[in-house]
Structures are given as structure tokens and as C-alpha cells.
Amino acid sequence: MAKVELKQPIVQEISESIKDAASVVVVDYRGLTVAEDTELRKQLREAGVSYKVYKNTLVSRAVDGTEFESLREVLEGPNAFAISTDDATAPARVLAAFAKKAPNLEIKAGVVEGTYYDEKAMQTIASIPSREVLLSKLLGSLQSPVTNLARVLNQIAEKGGAADAAVEVAPAEEAAEAKAPAETPAE
């Protein structure tokens, strides 16, 4: 069997994993201990991110003609690839948070929703909250005025007749003002 035939299934595996990917992040994992690598893999798995080490030449073949082709420029040295199909910012978020505890982990670059980002830009993307967090913040913003209105209406209901008394006083005051002679300005 030729070497190319042996490598083709791996290239196919990489192609399949990036086909529907929302993002692919390339990291240099040199210097991580086995314990750190195991913990990183666990955190990425919990976030729904696949994390694998592939040969750069095989990745280069797999990304040929795809939106991830721009990653070729960082395919030097040992690299690992974090791939997410659901949350486009999840790999960057998890990797950046982990890199704070393990400074040997270096984010090299990534493609998020079809756009190439270098190391600095990936740090910015890592600061974007997850979709769930953004949706909960939006929901909180939308609920706030409704909650405040409900609270005011509830306070009025708890006071009982206080609101009714205020309505009755207002017409009486208007009637008293109408009976008083209008003051004309002095000429």
C-alpha cells in the first residue's frame, strides 16, 4: 500500500470534521504537561469542541479549497486543532481561559464563521460571551420593563383603595378650581 493511500482516510476525516465547522482554531500545545493536556481536552469536550492533533501536511490538503484555507500560513511546528460546529466562539473562549493557567498553550490563529483571525484577534473573539449568555442577557433586558410594570401594578393593588381615593379627589379639586373666579392680570 502506498503512503498516499494510508494518508487519504486521515485527510478525509479532517475534511469531514471541518465541513460543517463554525470555527477552527490552531494552537501550539508544546510545553503542556500530560495533566494539562488531559484537562484541556476535558474542558473542550464539555464545550462541544473537538480537539485533535494532525500532521500539518494532511491539514493543508484537507483545507485546500475551503474557507479554512487561510490557516495554511500558521501550519508550522506541532499544532492541535480545536473545531466547533455549534458555538463559533467556544474554542477560542475555552483555549484563552486555559492559556491563562497554562502559559505554554499558544493560540496561533483561527477561522471563525469564514473569516481568518490572527492571534490577537482570537483573543478578542475569546472575550465574546457564549450564545446562551448573550440570549439570557437579551431576555433579561426585555423582561426588565415588564417586570417593573408588574411590580408597580402589584403595589397599587396591595394599597387597595388608595388608587380609587386619588381618582375621587382629582374631580373635586377640578370643580373647586372651576368655581373660583379667574384672576385677570393687572393692566
N, C-alpha and C. Protein backbone atom coordinates (compact mmCIF):
# COMPACT_ATOMS: atom_id res chain seq x y z
N MET A 1 0.83 -1.18 0.00
CA MET A 1 0.00 0.00 0.00
C MET A 1 0.88 1.25 0.00
N ALA A 2 0.56 2.20 -0.81
CA ALA A 2 1.34 3.44 -0.91
C ALA A 2 1.03 4.36 0.26
N LYS A 3 1.99 5.24 0.56
CA LYS A 3 1.81 6.17 1.68
C LYS A 3 0.59 7.06 1.47
N VAL A 4 0.33 7.46 0.22
CA VAL A 4 -0.79 8.34 -0.07
C VAL A 4 -2.11 7.65 0.30
N GLU A 5 -2.21 6.36 0.03
CA GLU A 5 -3.43 5.63 0.35
C GLU A 5 -3.65 5.55 1.85
N LEU A 6 -2.57 5.47 2.61
CA LEU A 6 -2.68 5.42 4.07
C LEU A 6 -3.11 6.77 4.64
N LYS A 7 -2.70 7.84 3.99
CA LYS A 7 -3.00 9.18 4.50
C LYS A 7 -4.38 9.67 4.07
N GLN A 8 -4.91 9.12 2.99
CA GLN A 8 -6.19 9.59 2.46
C GLN A 8 -7.33 9.51 3.49
N PRO A 9 -7.45 8.41 4.26
CA PRO A 9 -8.53 8.37 5.26
C PRO A 9 -8.42 9.49 6.31
N ILE A 10 -7.19 9.86 6.67
CA ILE A 10 -7.00 10.92 7.66
C ILE A 10 -7.39 12.27 7.06
N VAL A 11 -6.99 12.50 5.81
CA VAL A 11 -7.38 13.74 5.12
C VAL A 11 -8.90 13.81 5.03
N GLN A 12 -9.53 12.68 4.73
CA GLN A 12 -11.00 12.62 4.65
C GLN A 12 -11.63 12.92 6.01
N GLU A 13 -11.03 12.38 7.09
CA GLU A 13 -11.54 12.63 8.45
C GLU A 13 -11.48 14.12 8.78
N ILE A 14 -10.36 14.76 8.44
CA ILE A 14 -10.20 16.20 8.70
C ILE A 14 -11.23 16.98 7.88
N SER A 15 -11.36 16.62 6.61
CA SER A 15 -12.34 17.29 5.74
C SER A 15 -13.75 17.19 6.28
N GLU A 16 -14.11 16.01 6.76
CA GLU A 16 -15.45 15.80 7.34
C GLU A 16 -15.65 16.64 8.60
N SER A 17 -14.62 16.72 9.43
CA SER A 17 -14.77 17.45 10.70
C SER A 17 -14.86 18.96 10.48
N ILE A 18 -14.24 19.49 9.43
CA ILE A 18 -14.30 20.94 9.20
C ILE A 18 -15.42 21.33 8.25
N LYS A 19 -16.03 20.35 7.60
CA LYS A 19 -17.05 20.63 6.58
C LYS A 19 -18.16 21.53 7.12
N ASP A 20 -18.68 21.23 8.29
CA ASP A 20 -19.78 22.00 8.88
C ASP A 20 -19.32 22.83 10.07
N ALA A 21 -18.02 23.07 10.17
CA ALA A 21 -17.47 23.78 11.33
C ALA A 21 -17.81 25.26 11.29
N ALA A 22 -18.18 25.78 12.46
CA ALA A 22 -18.39 27.23 12.61
C ALA A 22 -17.05 27.91 12.84
N SER A 23 -16.10 27.16 13.46
CA SER A 23 -14.78 27.72 13.69
C SER A 23 -13.74 26.62 13.84
N VAL A 24 -12.52 26.97 13.47
CA VAL A 24 -11.35 26.10 13.65
C VAL A 24 -10.25 26.99 14.22
N VAL A 25 -9.68 26.57 15.34
CA VAL A 25 -8.62 27.33 15.98
C VAL A 25 -7.36 26.45 16.03
N VAL A 26 -6.23 27.03 15.64
CA VAL A 26 -4.95 26.33 15.63
C VAL A 26 -4.15 26.77 16.85
N VAL A 27 -3.65 25.79 17.61
CA VAL A 27 -2.86 26.11 18.80
C VAL A 27 -1.53 25.35 18.78
N ASP A 28 -0.54 25.95 19.40
CA ASP A 28 0.74 25.29 19.64
C ASP A 28 0.66 24.78 21.08
N TYR A 29 0.70 23.47 21.21
CA TYR A 29 0.50 22.85 22.52
C TYR A 29 1.81 22.44 23.18
N ARG A 30 2.94 22.77 22.58
CA ARG A 30 4.25 22.37 23.15
C ARG A 30 4.39 22.92 24.56
N GLY A 31 4.91 22.08 25.43
CA GLY A 31 5.15 22.51 26.80
C GLY A 31 4.02 22.18 27.76
N LEU A 32 2.88 21.72 27.25
CA LEU A 32 1.80 21.32 28.15
C LEU A 32 2.16 19.98 28.79
N THR A 33 1.87 19.84 30.05
CA THR A 33 2.06 18.55 30.70
C THR A 33 0.92 17.63 30.30
N VAL A 34 1.08 16.36 30.57
CA VAL A 34 0.02 15.40 30.25
C VAL A 34 -1.25 15.75 31.03
N ALA A 35 -1.09 16.15 32.27
CA ALA A 35 -2.25 16.51 33.10
C ALA A 35 -2.96 17.74 32.52
N GLU A 36 -2.17 18.74 32.08
CA GLU A 36 -2.77 19.95 31.49
C GLU A 36 -3.49 19.61 30.19
N ASP A 37 -2.86 18.78 29.37
CA ASP A 37 -3.48 18.39 28.10
C ASP A 37 -4.78 17.63 28.34
N THR A 38 -4.78 16.75 29.32
CA THR A 38 -5.98 15.99 29.65
C THR A 38 -7.09 16.92 30.13
N GLU A 39 -6.75 17.88 30.98
CA GLU A 39 -7.74 18.84 31.48
C GLU A 39 -8.28 19.71 30.35
N LEU A 40 -7.40 20.16 29.44
CA LEU A 40 -7.81 20.97 28.31
C LEU A 40 -8.79 20.20 27.42
N ARG A 41 -8.46 18.96 27.13
CA ARG A 41 -9.34 18.13 26.29
C ARG A 41 -10.71 17.96 26.94
N LYS A 42 -10.71 17.79 28.27
CA LYS A 42 -11.98 17.63 29.00
C LYS A 42 -12.83 18.90 28.89
N GLN A 43 -12.20 20.06 29.10
CA GLN A 43 -12.93 21.32 29.03
C GLN A 43 -13.48 21.57 27.63
N LEU A 44 -12.68 21.27 26.62
CA LEU A 44 -13.13 21.46 25.24
C LEU A 44 -14.28 20.51 24.91
N ARG A 45 -14.16 19.26 25.34
CA ARG A 45 -15.23 18.28 25.11
C ARG A 45 -16.54 18.74 25.76
N GLU A 46 -16.46 19.26 26.98
CA GLU A 46 -17.65 19.75 27.69
C GLU A 46 -18.29 20.93 26.96
N ALA A 47 -17.47 21.69 26.23
CA ALA A 47 -17.97 22.85 25.47
C ALA A 47 -18.44 22.44 24.07
N GLY A 48 -18.36 21.14 23.76
CA GLY A 48 -18.80 20.67 22.45
C GLY A 48 -17.78 20.90 21.35
N VAL A 49 -16.51 20.98 21.72
CA VAL A 49 -15.44 21.26 20.77
C VAL A 49 -14.58 20.02 20.61
N SER A 50 -14.30 19.63 19.35
CA SER A 50 -13.37 18.51 19.14
C SER A 50 -11.96 19.07 19.08
N TYR A 51 -11.01 18.32 19.59
CA TYR A 51 -9.63 18.77 19.70
C TYR A 51 -8.73 17.62 19.29
N LYS A 52 -7.99 17.82 18.21
CA LYS A 52 -7.14 16.75 17.70
C LYS A 52 -5.81 17.31 17.22
N VAL A 53 -4.82 16.45 17.20
CA VAL A 53 -3.51 16.77 16.65
C VAL A 53 -3.40 16.04 15.31
N TYR A 54 -3.11 16.79 14.26
CA TYR A 54 -2.92 16.22 12.93
C TYR A 54 -1.61 16.73 12.37
N LYS A 55 -1.09 15.99 11.40
CA LYS A 55 0.10 16.46 10.69
C LYS A 55 -0.29 17.66 9.83
N ASN A 56 0.56 18.65 9.81
CA ASN A 56 0.30 19.88 9.07
C ASN A 56 0.06 19.63 7.58
N THR A 57 0.81 18.70 6.99
CA THR A 57 0.65 18.42 5.55
C THR A 57 -0.74 17.85 5.27
N LEU A 58 -1.25 17.04 6.18
CA LEU A 58 -2.59 16.47 5.98
C LEU A 58 -3.67 17.52 6.14
N VAL A 59 -3.48 18.41 7.10
CA VAL A 59 -4.44 19.50 7.29
C VAL A 59 -4.40 20.42 6.07
N SER A 60 -3.23 20.69 5.59
CA SER A 60 -3.07 21.55 4.41
C SER A 60 -3.86 20.98 3.22
N ARG A 61 -3.79 19.67 3.03
CA ARG A 61 -4.56 19.03 1.95
C ARG A 61 -6.06 19.12 2.21
N ALA A 62 -6.45 18.93 3.47
CA ALA A 62 -7.88 18.90 3.80
C ALA A 62 -8.53 20.28 3.66
N VAL A 63 -7.79 21.34 3.96
CA VAL A 63 -8.38 22.68 3.90
C VAL A 63 -8.31 23.29 2.51
N ASP A 64 -7.63 22.62 1.59
CA ASP A 64 -7.48 23.12 0.22
C ASP A 64 -8.86 23.38 -0.40
N GLY A 65 -9.08 24.62 -0.82
CA GLY A 65 -10.33 24.99 -1.47
C GLY A 65 -11.49 25.23 -0.52
N THR A 66 -11.24 25.31 0.78
CA THR A 66 -12.31 25.57 1.75
C THR A 66 -12.11 26.96 2.35
N GLU A 67 -13.07 27.37 3.18
CA GLU A 67 -12.95 28.67 3.85
C GLU A 67 -11.85 28.67 4.91
N PHE A 68 -11.31 27.49 5.21
CA PHE A 68 -10.25 27.36 6.22
C PHE A 68 -8.85 27.34 5.60
N GLU A 69 -8.77 27.56 4.29
CA GLU A 69 -7.50 27.50 3.57
C GLU A 69 -6.49 28.52 4.10
N SER A 70 -6.96 29.63 4.63
CA SER A 70 -6.07 30.68 5.15
C SER A 70 -5.26 30.21 6.35
N LEU A 71 -5.65 29.12 6.99
CA LEU A 71 -4.91 28.59 8.14
C LEU A 71 -3.55 28.01 7.73
N ARG A 72 -3.36 27.78 6.44
CA ARG A 72 -2.10 27.19 5.96
C ARG A 72 -0.88 27.99 6.42
N GLU A 73 -1.02 29.30 6.52
CA GLU A 73 0.14 30.13 6.86
C GLU A 73 0.65 29.91 8.28
N VAL A 74 -0.13 29.29 9.16
CA VAL A 74 0.33 29.03 10.53
C VAL A 74 0.65 27.56 10.76
N LEU A 75 0.62 26.76 9.72
CA LEU A 75 0.85 25.32 9.86
C LEU A 75 2.35 25.00 9.88
N GLU A 76 2.99 25.42 10.94
CA GLU A 76 4.40 25.12 11.16
C GLU A 76 4.55 24.64 12.59
N GLY A 77 5.39 23.65 12.78
CA GLY A 77 5.59 23.10 14.12
C GLY A 77 4.41 22.25 14.54
N PRO A 78 4.47 21.74 15.75
CA PRO A 78 3.37 20.89 16.23
C PRO A 78 2.12 21.73 16.50
N ASN A 79 1.02 21.32 15.93
CA ASN A 79 -0.24 22.05 16.09
C ASN A 79 -1.35 21.11 16.51
N ALA A 80 -2.29 21.67 17.25
CA ALA A 80 -3.53 20.97 17.55
C ALA A 80 -4.65 21.85 17.00
N PHE A 81 -5.78 21.22 16.70
CA PHE A 81 -6.88 21.91 16.06
C PHE A 81 -8.14 21.73 16.90
N ALA A 82 -8.73 22.87 17.28
CA ALA A 82 -9.99 22.87 18.04
C ALA A 82 -11.09 23.26 17.06
N ILE A 83 -12.06 22.35 16.90
CA ILE A 83 -13.11 22.53 15.89
C ILE A 83 -14.48 22.52 16.56
N SER A 84 -15.28 23.53 16.24
CA SER A 84 -16.63 23.61 16.78
C SER A 84 -17.63 23.76 15.66
N THR A 85 -18.71 23.00 15.73
CA THR A 85 -19.76 23.12 14.73
C THR A 85 -20.93 23.94 15.25
N ASP A 86 -21.04 24.09 16.56
CA ASP A 86 -22.19 24.80 17.14
C ASP A 86 -21.87 26.24 17.51
N ASP A 87 -21.07 26.42 18.53
CA ASP A 87 -20.74 27.75 19.05
C ASP A 87 -19.42 28.20 18.45
N ALA A 88 -19.47 29.20 17.60
CA ALA A 88 -18.28 29.65 16.88
C ALA A 88 -17.20 30.21 17.79
N THR A 89 -17.57 30.74 18.94
CA THR A 89 -16.57 31.34 19.82
C THR A 89 -16.08 30.39 20.92
N ALA A 90 -16.70 29.23 21.05
CA ALA A 90 -16.36 28.30 22.13
C ALA A 90 -14.89 27.88 22.13
N PRO A 91 -14.31 27.46 20.99
CA PRO A 91 -12.91 27.06 21.06
C PRO A 91 -11.99 28.18 21.55
N ALA A 92 -12.17 29.37 21.03
CA ALA A 92 -11.33 30.50 21.43
C ALA A 92 -11.52 30.82 22.91
N ARG A 93 -12.77 30.79 23.38
CA ARG A 93 -13.06 31.10 24.77
C ARG A 93 -12.39 30.10 25.72
N VAL A 94 -12.57 28.81 25.44
CA VAL A 94 -12.01 27.77 26.31
C VAL A 94 -10.49 27.79 26.26
N LEU A 95 -9.93 27.90 25.05
CA LEU A 95 -8.46 27.89 24.91
C LEU A 95 -7.83 29.11 25.58
N ALA A 96 -8.42 30.29 25.42
CA ALA A 96 -7.87 31.50 26.03
C ALA A 96 -7.93 31.42 27.55
N ALA A 97 -9.04 30.92 28.08
CA ALA A 97 -9.16 30.78 29.53
C ALA A 97 -8.14 29.77 30.06
N PHE A 98 -7.96 28.69 29.32
CA PHE A 98 -7.00 27.67 29.75
C PHE A 98 -5.56 28.18 29.65
N ALA A 99 -5.28 28.99 28.64
CA ALA A 99 -3.93 29.53 28.44
C ALA A 99 -3.51 30.44 29.59
N LYS A 100 -4.47 31.00 30.31
CA LYS A 100 -4.13 31.84 31.47
C LYS A 100 -3.50 30.99 32.58
N LYS A 101 -3.98 29.73 32.69
CA LYS A 101 -3.43 28.82 33.70
C LYS A 101 -2.21 28.07 33.18
N ALA A 102 -2.16 27.87 31.85
CA ALA A 102 -1.06 27.13 31.23
C ALA A 102 -0.46 27.99 30.12
N PRO A 103 0.48 28.88 30.48
CA PRO A 103 1.01 29.83 29.50
C PRO A 103 1.73 29.20 28.32
N ASN A 104 2.06 27.92 28.39
CA ASN A 104 2.72 27.26 27.26
C ASN A 104 1.77 27.04 26.08
N LEU A 105 0.48 27.09 26.33
CA LEU A 105 -0.51 26.94 25.26
C LEU A 105 -0.61 28.26 24.50
N GLU A 106 -0.39 28.19 23.19
CA GLU A 106 -0.40 29.41 22.39
C GLU A 106 -1.42 29.30 21.27
N ILE A 107 -2.37 30.23 21.26
CA ILE A 107 -3.33 30.28 20.15
C ILE A 107 -2.62 30.96 18.99
N LYS A 108 -2.53 30.27 17.86
CA LYS A 108 -1.82 30.81 16.70
C LYS A 108 -2.74 31.62 15.80
N ALA A 109 -3.90 31.06 15.48
CA ALA A 109 -4.84 31.72 14.57
C ALA A 109 -6.11 30.90 14.54
N GLY A 110 -7.09 31.41 13.81
CA GLY A 110 -8.34 30.66 13.67
C GLY A 110 -9.20 31.24 12.56
N VAL A 111 -10.15 30.45 12.15
CA VAL A 111 -11.17 30.91 11.21
C VAL A 111 -12.50 30.76 11.92
N VAL A 112 -13.19 31.89 12.07
CA VAL A 112 -14.49 31.90 12.75
C VAL A 112 -15.52 32.39 11.75
N GLU A 113 -16.49 31.54 11.48
CA GLU A 113 -17.57 31.83 10.54
C GLU A 113 -17.02 32.39 9.22
N GLY A 114 -15.97 31.73 8.71
CA GLY A 114 -15.45 32.05 7.40
C GLY A 114 -14.40 33.15 7.35
N THR A 115 -14.10 33.79 8.47
CA THR A 115 -13.13 34.88 8.49
C THR A 115 -11.88 34.47 9.26
N TYR A 116 -10.72 34.73 8.67
CA TYR A 116 -9.44 34.42 9.30
C TYR A 116 -9.10 35.48 10.35
N TYR A 117 -8.63 35.02 11.51
CA TYR A 117 -8.20 35.92 12.59
C TYR A 117 -6.83 35.49 13.09
N ASP A 118 -5.96 36.45 13.32
CA ASP A 118 -4.64 36.14 13.86
C ASP A 118 -4.73 35.97 15.38
N GLU A 119 -3.58 35.79 16.00
CA GLU A 119 -3.53 35.52 17.44
C GLU A 119 -4.22 36.61 18.26
N LYS A 120 -3.94 37.89 17.97
CA LYS A 120 -4.54 38.98 18.74
C LYS A 120 -6.06 39.03 18.57
N ALA A 121 -6.51 38.86 17.34
CA ALA A 121 -7.95 38.90 17.08
C ALA A 121 -8.66 37.73 17.75
N MET A 122 -7.97 36.59 17.84
CA MET A 122 -8.58 35.43 18.51
C MET A 122 -8.78 35.72 19.99
N GLN A 123 -7.90 36.50 20.58
CA GLN A 123 -8.07 36.88 21.99
C GLN A 123 -9.33 37.73 22.16
N THR A 124 -9.59 38.60 21.19
CA THR A 124 -10.80 39.42 21.22
C THR A 124 -12.03 38.55 21.08
N ILE A 125 -11.98 37.61 20.16
CA ILE A 125 -13.11 36.69 19.96
C ILE A 125 -13.35 35.87 21.22
N ALA A 126 -12.28 35.52 21.91
CA ALA A 126 -12.40 34.73 23.14
C ALA A 126 -13.18 35.49 24.21
N SER A 127 -13.20 36.82 24.14
CA SER A 127 -13.91 37.61 25.15
C SER A 127 -15.41 37.71 24.87
N ILE A 128 -15.85 37.24 23.71
CA ILE A 128 -17.28 37.28 23.38
C ILE A 128 -18.00 36.20 24.18
N PRO A 129 -19.04 36.56 24.91
CA PRO A 129 -19.77 35.56 25.68
C PRO A 129 -20.43 34.53 24.75
N SER A 130 -20.77 33.39 25.33
CA SER A 130 -21.42 32.34 24.55
C SER A 130 -22.82 32.79 24.11
N ARG A 131 -23.35 32.09 23.16
CA ARG A 131 -24.68 32.41 22.62
C ARG A 131 -25.73 32.37 23.74
N GLU A 132 -25.62 31.38 24.63
CA GLU A 132 -26.59 31.24 25.72
C GLU A 132 -26.54 32.44 26.66
N VAL A 133 -25.31 32.90 26.96
CA VAL A 133 -25.16 34.06 27.85
C VAL A 133 -25.74 35.31 27.18
N LEU A 134 -25.45 35.50 25.89
CA LEU A 134 -25.99 36.65 25.18
C LEU A 134 -27.51 36.61 25.13
N LEU A 135 -28.08 35.44 24.88
CA LEU A 135 -29.54 35.32 24.85
C LEU A 135 -30.16 35.59 26.21
N SER A 136 -29.52 35.12 27.28
CA SER A 136 -30.07 35.37 28.61
C SER A 136 -30.00 36.85 28.96
N LYS A 137 -28.92 37.54 28.52
CA LYS A 137 -28.83 38.98 28.74
C LYS A 137 -29.93 39.72 27.97
N LEU A 138 -30.16 39.29 26.74
CA LEU A 138 -31.22 39.90 25.93
C LEU A 138 -32.57 39.67 26.58
N LEU A 139 -32.81 38.46 27.01
CA LEU A 139 -34.09 38.15 27.67
C LEU A 139 -34.25 38.98 28.93
N GLY A 140 -33.19 39.14 29.71
CA GLY A 140 -33.24 39.97 30.91
C GLY A 140 -33.58 41.42 30.57
N SER A 141 -33.00 41.92 29.48
CA SER A 141 -33.28 43.29 29.06
C SER A 141 -34.73 43.46 28.63
N LEU A 142 -35.25 42.45 27.96
CA LEU A 142 -36.63 42.52 27.50
C LEU A 142 -37.62 42.36 28.66
N GLN A 143 -37.26 41.55 29.64
CA GLN A 143 -38.16 41.31 30.77
C GLN A 143 -38.17 42.46 31.77
N SER A 144 -37.12 43.22 31.85
CA SER A 144 -36.99 44.26 32.85
C SER A 144 -38.16 45.26 32.85
N PRO A 145 -38.54 45.87 31.71
CA PRO A 145 -39.67 46.81 31.74
C PRO A 145 -40.98 46.13 32.14
N VAL A 146 -41.19 44.93 31.68
CA VAL A 146 -42.42 44.20 32.01
C VAL A 146 -42.46 43.89 33.50
N THR A 147 -41.32 43.48 34.04
CA THR A 147 -41.23 43.18 35.47
C THR A 147 -41.50 44.43 36.30
N ASN A 148 -40.93 45.56 35.89
CA ASN A 148 -41.15 46.81 36.62
C ASN A 148 -42.61 47.23 36.58
N LEU A 149 -43.26 47.09 35.44
CA LEU A 149 -44.69 47.41 35.32
C LEU A 149 -45.51 46.51 36.23
N ALA A 150 -45.19 45.23 36.23
CA ALA A 150 -45.93 44.29 37.09
C ALA A 150 -45.75 44.64 38.56
N ARG A 151 -44.54 45.05 38.94
CA ARG A 151 -44.27 45.42 40.33
C ARG A 151 -45.09 46.65 40.73
N VAL A 152 -45.17 47.65 39.86
CA VAL A 152 -45.93 48.87 40.15
C VAL A 152 -47.42 48.53 40.28
N LEU A 153 -47.93 47.75 39.34
CA LEU A 153 -49.34 47.36 39.40
C LEU A 153 -49.64 46.56 40.65
N ASN A 154 -48.72 45.71 41.06
CA ASN A 154 -48.90 44.92 42.27
C ASN A 154 -48.92 45.82 43.50
N GLN A 155 -48.07 46.84 43.55
CA GLN A 155 -48.06 47.78 44.68
C GLN A 155 -49.37 48.55 44.75
N ILE A 156 -49.89 48.93 43.61
CA ILE A 156 -51.17 49.64 43.59
C ILE A 156 -52.28 48.74 44.11
N ALA A 157 -52.26 47.48 43.67
CA ALA A 157 -53.29 46.53 44.11
C ALA A 157 -53.18 46.27 45.61
N GLU A 158 -51.95 46.22 46.15
CA GLU A 158 -51.77 45.98 47.58
C GLU A 158 -52.27 47.15 48.41
N LYS A 159 -52.19 48.38 47.91
CA LYS A 159 -52.65 49.54 48.65
C LYS A 159 -54.17 49.61 48.68
N GLY A 160 -54.80 48.80 47.85
CA GLY A 160 -56.26 48.72 47.86
C GLY A 160 -56.90 49.96 47.32
N GLY A 161 -57.69 50.65 48.14
CA GLY A 161 -58.48 51.79 47.71
C GLY A 161 -57.68 53.05 47.52
N ALA A 162 -56.42 53.06 47.81
CA ALA A 162 -55.62 54.28 47.67
C ALA A 162 -55.70 54.83 46.26
N ALA A 163 -55.67 53.97 45.28
CA ALA A 163 -55.75 54.43 43.88
C ALA A 163 -57.13 55.00 43.60
N ASP A 164 -58.19 54.36 44.15
CA ASP A 164 -59.55 54.85 43.94
C ASP A 164 -59.73 56.21 44.61
N ALA A 165 -59.16 56.40 45.80
CA ALA A 165 -59.28 57.67 46.51
C ALA A 165 -58.63 58.79 45.72
N ALA A 166 -57.53 58.51 45.13
CA ALA A 166 -56.84 59.53 44.34
C ALA A 166 -57.69 59.94 43.16
N VAL A 167 -58.41 59.02 42.56
CA VAL A 167 -59.26 59.33 41.41
C VAL A 167 -60.43 60.20 41.84
N GLU A 168 -60.97 59.94 43.04
CA GLU A 168 -62.12 60.72 43.52
C GLU A 168 -61.71 62.14 43.90
N VAL A 169 -60.52 62.34 44.42
CA VAL A 169 -60.07 63.66 44.84
C VAL A 169 -59.84 64.55 43.61
N ALA A 170 -59.33 64.01 42.58
CA ALA A 170 -58.99 64.81 41.41
C ALA A 170 -60.20 65.55 40.84
N PRO A 171 -61.37 64.92 40.63
CA PRO A 171 -62.51 65.68 40.10
C PRO A 171 -62.97 66.77 41.08
N ALA A 172 -62.88 66.54 42.38
CA ALA A 172 -63.30 67.54 43.36
C ALA A 172 -62.41 68.77 43.28
N GLU A 173 -61.12 68.57 43.12
CA GLU A 173 -60.21 69.70 43.00
C GLU A 173 -60.49 70.48 41.72
N GLU A 174 -60.78 69.78 40.63
CA GLU A 174 -61.09 70.46 39.37
C GLU A 174 -62.36 71.30 39.50
N ALA A 175 -63.35 70.79 40.22
CA ALA A 175 -64.60 71.53 40.40
C ALA A 175 -64.36 72.78 41.23
N ALA A 176 -63.53 72.70 42.25
CA ALA A 176 -63.23 73.86 43.09
C ALA A 176 -62.51 74.93 42.29
N GLU A 177 -61.62 74.52 41.43
CA GLU A 177 -60.89 75.47 40.61
C GLU A 177 -61.82 76.15 39.61
N ALA A 178 -62.80 75.42 39.11
CA ALA A 178 -63.72 75.98 38.12
C ALA A 178 -64.62 77.04 38.76
N LYS A 179 -64.97 76.89 40.06
CA LYS A 179 -65.86 77.84 40.74
C LYS A 179 -65.11 79.11 41.12
N ALA A 180 -63.82 79.04 41.33
CA ALA A 180 -63.04 80.21 41.74
C ALA A 180 -62.97 81.19 40.58
N PRO A 181 -63.09 82.49 40.88
CA PRO A 181 -63.04 83.46 39.81
C PRO A 181 -61.65 83.49 39.19
N ALA A 182 -61.62 83.61 37.93
CA ALA A 182 -60.34 83.65 37.22
C ALA A 182 -59.69 85.00 37.48
N GLU A 183 -58.43 84.96 37.78
CA GLU A 183 -57.70 86.20 38.04
C GLU A 183 -57.27 86.78 36.71
N THR A 184 -57.53 88.06 36.58
CA THR A 184 -57.08 88.72 35.34
C THR A 184 -55.84 89.50 35.67
N PRO A 185 -54.93 89.52 34.80
CA PRO A 185 -53.69 90.26 35.06
C PRO A 185 -53.97 91.75 35.17
N ALA A 186 -53.25 92.41 36.05
CA ALA A 186 -53.42 93.87 36.22
C ALA A 186 -52.85 94.57 35.03
N GLU A 187 -53.58 95.60 34.63
CA GLU A 187 -53.14 96.33 33.44
C GLU A 187 -52.39 97.56 33.80
